[in-house]
N, C-alpha and C. Protein backbone atom coordinates (compact mmCIF):
# COMPACT_ATOMS: atom_id res chain seq x y z
N MET A 1 114.19 87.07 68.50
CA MET A 1 114.18 86.83 67.03
C MET A 1 115.69 87.45 66.66
N ALA A 2 116.00 86.84 65.57
CA ALA A 2 117.21 87.22 64.81
C ALA A 2 116.99 88.67 64.27
N GLY A 3 118.08 89.49 64.40
CA GLY A 3 117.70 90.94 63.69
C GLY A 3 117.14 91.78 64.55
N ARG A 4 116.52 91.68 65.71
CA ARG A 4 115.84 92.57 66.58
C ARG A 4 116.83 93.41 67.31
N ASP A 5 116.59 94.54 67.43
CA ASP A 5 117.61 95.50 68.16
C ASP A 5 117.72 95.05 69.62
N GLN A 6 118.92 94.79 70.24
CA GLN A 6 119.09 94.42 71.38
C GLN A 6 119.82 95.44 72.14
N SER A 7 119.81 96.74 71.85
CA SER A 7 120.49 97.70 72.69
C SER A 7 119.56 98.32 73.73
N GLY A 8 118.32 98.04 73.79
CA GLY A 8 117.32 98.41 74.86
C GLY A 8 117.95 97.96 76.26
N GLY A 9 117.46 98.73 77.15
CA GLY A 9 117.53 98.30 78.61
C GLY A 9 117.80 99.56 79.50
N LEU A 10 118.20 99.27 80.63
CA LEU A 10 118.33 100.38 81.74
C LEU A 10 119.81 100.46 81.76
N TYR A 11 120.29 101.67 81.68
CA TYR A 11 121.68 101.92 81.70
C TYR A 11 122.13 102.93 82.88
N LEU A 12 123.35 102.76 83.38
CA LEU A 12 123.65 103.69 84.58
C LEU A 12 125.09 104.07 84.33
N THR A 13 125.28 105.44 84.75
CA THR A 13 126.52 106.04 84.67
C THR A 13 126.90 106.62 86.06
N GLU A 14 128.32 106.30 86.48
CA GLU A 14 128.55 106.78 87.69
C GLU A 14 129.81 107.84 87.50
N ASP A 15 130.01 108.24 86.27
CA ASP A 15 131.08 109.25 85.99
C ASP A 15 130.51 110.45 85.11
N GLY A 16 129.29 110.82 85.37
CA GLY A 16 128.88 112.12 84.76
C GLY A 16 128.43 111.79 83.29
N GLY A 17 128.25 110.41 82.85
CA GLY A 17 128.06 110.23 81.38
C GLY A 17 129.05 109.93 80.48
N GLN A 18 130.42 109.80 81.12
CA GLN A 18 131.54 109.32 80.34
C GLN A 18 131.44 107.97 79.79
N THR A 19 131.06 107.10 80.73
CA THR A 19 130.73 105.73 80.35
C THR A 19 129.43 105.26 81.02
N TRP A 20 128.85 104.34 80.23
CA TRP A 20 127.56 103.64 80.63
C TRP A 20 127.71 102.30 80.58
N ALA A 21 126.83 101.69 81.58
CA ALA A 21 126.79 100.19 81.69
C ALA A 21 125.30 99.72 81.71
N ARG A 22 125.09 98.67 80.88
CA ARG A 22 123.59 98.24 80.84
C ARG A 22 123.42 97.58 82.20
N ILE A 23 122.56 97.97 83.14
CA ILE A 23 122.43 97.19 84.20
C ILE A 23 121.00 96.30 84.28
N GLY A 24 120.18 96.45 83.40
CA GLY A 24 118.98 95.69 83.51
C GLY A 24 118.29 95.53 82.07
N ARG A 25 117.97 94.44 81.66
CA ARG A 25 117.26 94.14 80.42
C ARG A 25 116.59 92.97 80.58
N GLN A 26 115.14 92.87 80.85
CA GLN A 26 114.39 91.77 80.87
C GLN A 26 113.53 91.68 79.58
N GLY A 27 113.29 92.76 78.64
CA GLY A 27 112.55 92.55 77.55
C GLY A 27 112.95 93.52 76.51
N PRO A 28 112.10 93.42 75.44
CA PRO A 28 112.61 94.40 74.29
C PRO A 28 112.64 95.81 74.44
N GLN A 29 111.77 96.27 75.53
CA GLN A 29 111.56 97.82 75.87
C GLN A 29 111.69 98.05 77.31
N THR A 30 112.23 99.06 77.74
CA THR A 30 112.02 99.51 79.10
C THR A 30 111.60 100.88 79.12
N PHE A 31 110.54 100.99 80.06
CA PHE A 31 109.91 102.28 80.31
C PHE A 31 110.88 103.25 81.09
N GLY A 32 111.56 102.49 82.19
CA GLY A 32 112.38 103.51 82.93
C GLY A 32 112.98 102.89 84.28
N GLY A 33 113.86 103.60 84.94
CA GLY A 33 114.34 103.28 86.19
C GLY A 33 114.06 104.29 87.08
N TYR A 34 113.90 103.77 88.38
CA TYR A 34 113.61 104.78 89.56
C TYR A 34 114.55 104.45 90.77
N PHE A 35 115.12 105.46 91.43
CA PHE A 35 115.99 105.24 92.44
C PHE A 35 114.94 105.55 93.68
N HIS A 36 114.92 104.53 94.67
CA HIS A 36 114.16 104.83 95.95
C HIS A 36 114.83 105.86 96.71
N PRO A 37 114.03 107.07 97.01
CA PRO A 37 114.72 108.05 97.76
C PRO A 37 115.08 107.85 99.05
N GLN A 38 114.76 106.75 99.62
CA GLN A 38 115.07 106.35 101.15
C GLN A 38 116.03 105.11 101.28
N HIS A 39 116.30 104.53 100.08
CA HIS A 39 117.32 103.22 100.24
C HIS A 39 118.20 103.39 99.26
N ALA A 40 119.52 103.57 99.62
CA ALA A 40 120.58 103.82 98.83
C ALA A 40 120.66 102.28 98.01
N GLY A 41 121.03 102.30 96.62
CA GLY A 41 121.11 101.12 95.86
C GLY A 41 119.83 100.45 95.67
N TRP A 42 118.74 100.93 95.87
CA TRP A 42 117.51 100.46 95.32
C TRP A 42 117.12 100.99 93.94
N ILE A 43 116.90 100.13 93.02
CA ILE A 43 116.52 100.76 91.70
C ILE A 43 115.39 99.72 91.23
N TYR A 44 114.37 100.37 90.71
CA TYR A 44 113.09 99.82 90.14
C TYR A 44 113.27 99.81 88.74
N LEU A 45 113.30 98.84 87.91
CA LEU A 45 113.23 98.68 86.53
C LEU A 45 111.60 98.41 85.98
N THR A 46 111.15 99.37 85.23
CA THR A 46 109.74 99.25 84.53
C THR A 46 110.01 98.62 83.09
N LEU A 47 109.09 97.74 82.90
CA LEU A 47 108.93 97.37 81.50
C LEU A 47 107.74 97.37 80.74
N THR A 48 107.71 97.31 79.51
CA THR A 48 106.35 97.25 78.72
C THR A 48 105.72 96.00 78.67
N GLU A 49 104.57 95.94 78.15
CA GLU A 49 103.63 94.69 78.18
C GLU A 49 104.28 93.55 77.47
N ASP A 50 105.11 93.85 76.38
CA ASP A 50 105.62 92.75 75.70
C ASP A 50 106.86 91.98 76.48
N ALA A 51 107.16 92.51 77.54
CA ALA A 51 108.26 91.76 78.28
C ALA A 51 107.79 90.44 78.81
N PRO A 52 108.66 89.61 78.79
CA PRO A 52 108.36 88.28 79.44
C PRO A 52 108.34 88.20 80.79
N GLY A 53 107.22 87.86 81.39
CA GLY A 53 107.11 87.88 82.79
C GLY A 53 106.69 89.25 83.43
N ALA A 54 107.13 89.51 84.54
CA ALA A 54 106.72 90.60 85.35
C ALA A 54 107.12 91.88 84.72
N GLY A 55 106.34 93.13 84.92
CA GLY A 55 106.66 94.29 84.43
C GLY A 55 107.38 95.31 85.39
N LEU A 56 107.74 94.77 86.42
CA LEU A 56 108.41 95.47 87.47
C LEU A 56 109.51 94.71 88.41
N TRP A 57 110.65 95.06 88.43
CA TRP A 57 111.72 94.45 88.99
C TRP A 57 112.30 95.48 90.16
N LEU A 58 112.98 94.78 91.09
CA LEU A 58 113.73 95.70 91.99
C LEU A 58 115.08 95.00 92.33
N SER A 59 116.11 95.91 92.37
CA SER A 59 117.41 95.67 92.69
C SER A 59 117.67 96.31 94.06
N ARG A 60 118.13 95.58 95.07
CA ARG A 60 118.49 96.33 96.46
C ARG A 60 120.07 96.26 96.69
N ASP A 61 120.80 96.00 95.42
CA ASP A 61 122.30 96.17 95.64
C ASP A 61 122.85 96.80 94.48
N ASN A 62 122.28 97.87 94.00
CA ASN A 62 122.67 98.80 92.99
C ASN A 62 122.85 97.88 91.61
N ALA A 63 121.97 97.08 91.25
CA ALA A 63 121.86 96.44 90.02
C ALA A 63 122.75 95.13 89.85
N LYS A 64 123.21 94.77 90.94
CA LYS A 64 124.04 93.47 90.81
C LYS A 64 123.09 92.13 90.78
N SER A 65 121.96 92.25 91.35
CA SER A 65 120.92 91.28 91.22
C SER A 65 119.46 91.83 91.17
N TRP A 66 118.53 91.18 90.61
CA TRP A 66 117.14 91.71 90.43
C TRP A 66 116.15 90.66 90.97
N ARG A 67 114.88 91.10 91.56
CA ARG A 67 113.84 90.49 91.88
C ARG A 67 112.57 91.03 91.15
N ALA A 68 111.67 89.93 90.70
CA ALA A 68 110.49 90.44 90.12
C ALA A 68 109.34 90.76 91.04
N PHE A 69 108.56 91.61 90.75
CA PHE A 69 107.12 91.82 91.33
C PHE A 69 106.21 90.87 90.67
N ASP A 70 105.99 89.60 90.83
CA ASP A 70 105.31 88.57 90.08
C ASP A 70 103.99 88.71 90.53
N ASP A 71 103.48 89.43 91.32
CA ASP A 71 102.08 89.37 91.92
C ASP A 71 101.26 90.56 91.53
N LEU A 72 101.79 91.55 90.79
CA LEU A 72 101.06 92.63 90.30
C LEU A 72 99.83 92.23 89.44
N PRO A 73 98.68 93.08 89.54
CA PRO A 73 97.66 92.56 88.64
C PRO A 73 97.74 93.04 87.11
N PHE A 74 98.92 93.68 86.74
CA PHE A 74 99.29 94.03 85.47
C PHE A 74 100.69 93.93 85.17
N SER A 75 101.23 94.18 83.78
CA SER A 75 102.62 93.88 83.69
C SER A 75 103.26 95.08 82.94
N ASN A 76 102.25 95.89 82.36
CA ASN A 76 102.89 97.19 81.58
C ASN A 76 103.08 98.28 82.59
N ILE A 77 104.22 98.34 83.23
CA ILE A 77 104.46 99.39 84.23
C ILE A 77 105.14 100.65 83.62
N GLN A 78 104.52 101.71 84.00
CA GLN A 78 105.06 102.98 83.24
C GLN A 78 105.89 103.82 84.28
N ARG A 79 105.32 103.97 85.55
CA ARG A 79 105.92 104.79 86.46
C ARG A 79 105.82 104.20 87.98
N VAL A 80 106.77 104.55 88.58
CA VAL A 80 106.94 104.12 89.94
C VAL A 80 107.03 105.50 90.88
N GLU A 81 106.07 105.72 91.93
CA GLU A 81 106.05 106.69 92.74
C GLU A 81 106.16 106.41 94.14
N PHE A 82 106.80 107.04 95.12
CA PHE A 82 107.10 106.63 96.42
C PHE A 82 106.16 107.42 97.37
N ASP A 83 105.78 106.68 98.38
CA ASP A 83 105.02 107.34 99.36
C ASP A 83 105.81 108.17 100.29
N PRO A 84 105.51 109.52 100.14
CA PRO A 84 106.42 110.29 101.09
C PRO A 84 106.19 110.11 102.64
N THR A 85 105.31 109.34 103.11
CA THR A 85 105.17 109.10 104.45
C THR A 85 105.43 107.86 105.17
N ASP A 86 105.58 106.85 104.02
CA ASP A 86 105.94 105.49 104.28
C ASP A 86 106.81 104.87 103.28
N ASP A 87 107.93 104.80 103.63
CA ASP A 87 109.21 104.25 102.57
C ASP A 87 108.83 102.72 102.36
N SER A 88 108.06 102.07 102.78
CA SER A 88 107.74 100.79 102.57
C SER A 88 106.66 100.54 101.48
N VAL A 89 105.97 101.66 101.15
CA VAL A 89 105.02 101.54 100.09
C VAL A 89 105.35 102.30 98.83
N ILE A 90 104.99 101.74 97.64
CA ILE A 90 105.11 102.44 96.50
C ILE A 90 103.81 102.36 95.73
N ARG A 91 103.67 103.33 94.67
CA ARG A 91 102.50 103.20 93.79
C ARG A 91 103.10 103.05 92.39
N VAL A 92 102.59 102.20 91.68
CA VAL A 92 102.84 102.07 90.23
C VAL A 92 101.73 102.22 89.39
N THR A 93 101.92 102.95 88.13
CA THR A 93 100.92 103.28 87.09
C THR A 93 101.29 102.37 86.04
N THR A 94 100.25 102.07 84.96
CA THR A 94 100.18 101.63 83.74
C THR A 94 100.16 102.61 82.67
N PHE A 95 100.55 102.27 81.55
CA PHE A 95 100.33 103.33 80.47
C PHE A 95 98.71 103.51 80.25
N GLY A 96 97.78 102.65 80.51
CA GLY A 96 96.60 102.90 80.34
C GLY A 96 95.70 103.50 81.57
N GLY A 97 96.41 103.84 82.67
CA GLY A 97 96.00 104.49 83.77
C GLY A 97 95.75 103.88 84.92
N SER A 98 95.96 102.52 84.98
CA SER A 98 95.72 101.68 86.20
C SER A 98 96.75 102.12 87.30
N VAL A 99 96.34 102.04 88.65
CA VAL A 99 97.40 102.31 89.60
C VAL A 99 97.16 101.14 90.71
N TRP A 100 98.24 100.70 91.07
CA TRP A 100 98.49 99.75 92.25
C TRP A 100 99.28 100.37 93.21
N ARG A 101 98.88 100.16 94.54
CA ARG A 101 99.70 100.62 95.87
C ARG A 101 99.85 99.45 96.65
N GLY A 102 101.16 99.22 96.94
CA GLY A 102 101.57 98.12 97.67
C GLY A 102 102.96 98.14 98.24
N PRO A 103 103.41 97.10 98.64
CA PRO A 103 104.69 96.95 99.20
C PRO A 103 105.84 97.35 98.51
N ALA A 104 106.83 98.05 98.80
CA ALA A 104 108.14 98.55 97.94
C ALA A 104 108.92 97.34 97.65
N THR A 105 108.72 96.06 98.16
CA THR A 105 109.56 95.05 97.97
C THR A 105 108.71 93.87 97.25
N PRO A 106 109.32 93.04 96.39
CA PRO A 106 108.49 91.91 95.90
C PRO A 106 108.30 90.93 97.02
N ALA A 107 107.24 90.26 96.86
CA ALA A 107 106.79 89.06 97.82
C ALA A 107 107.88 88.01 97.74
N GLU A 108 108.14 87.39 98.90
CA GLU A 108 109.18 86.49 98.82
C GLU A 108 108.69 85.05 98.08
N PRO A 109 109.63 84.43 97.40
CA PRO A 109 109.32 83.30 96.69
C PRO A 109 108.84 82.19 97.60
């Protein structure tokens, strides 16, 4: 829509906040970004329910490319949590309190 704020998204700084680069924006609002503690360069992007398509995205190359989690049972993703005993598993929660536990990477197309 014309006139809508286009400044939202996920931003990254690599110089202590001196400069910022938008690394992800799939919808009008972004809930957040999460770095996988066991995989360098893995960033999860979480989106609100108004986002087109999937509410969870993963970059495994420090935000150069993104893949959607298209098979989740909901799209309004608020939080990503990492299983401390198995780095191939994540848990995601919605704003409404639903929880999904599954693979840390999206299904292959």
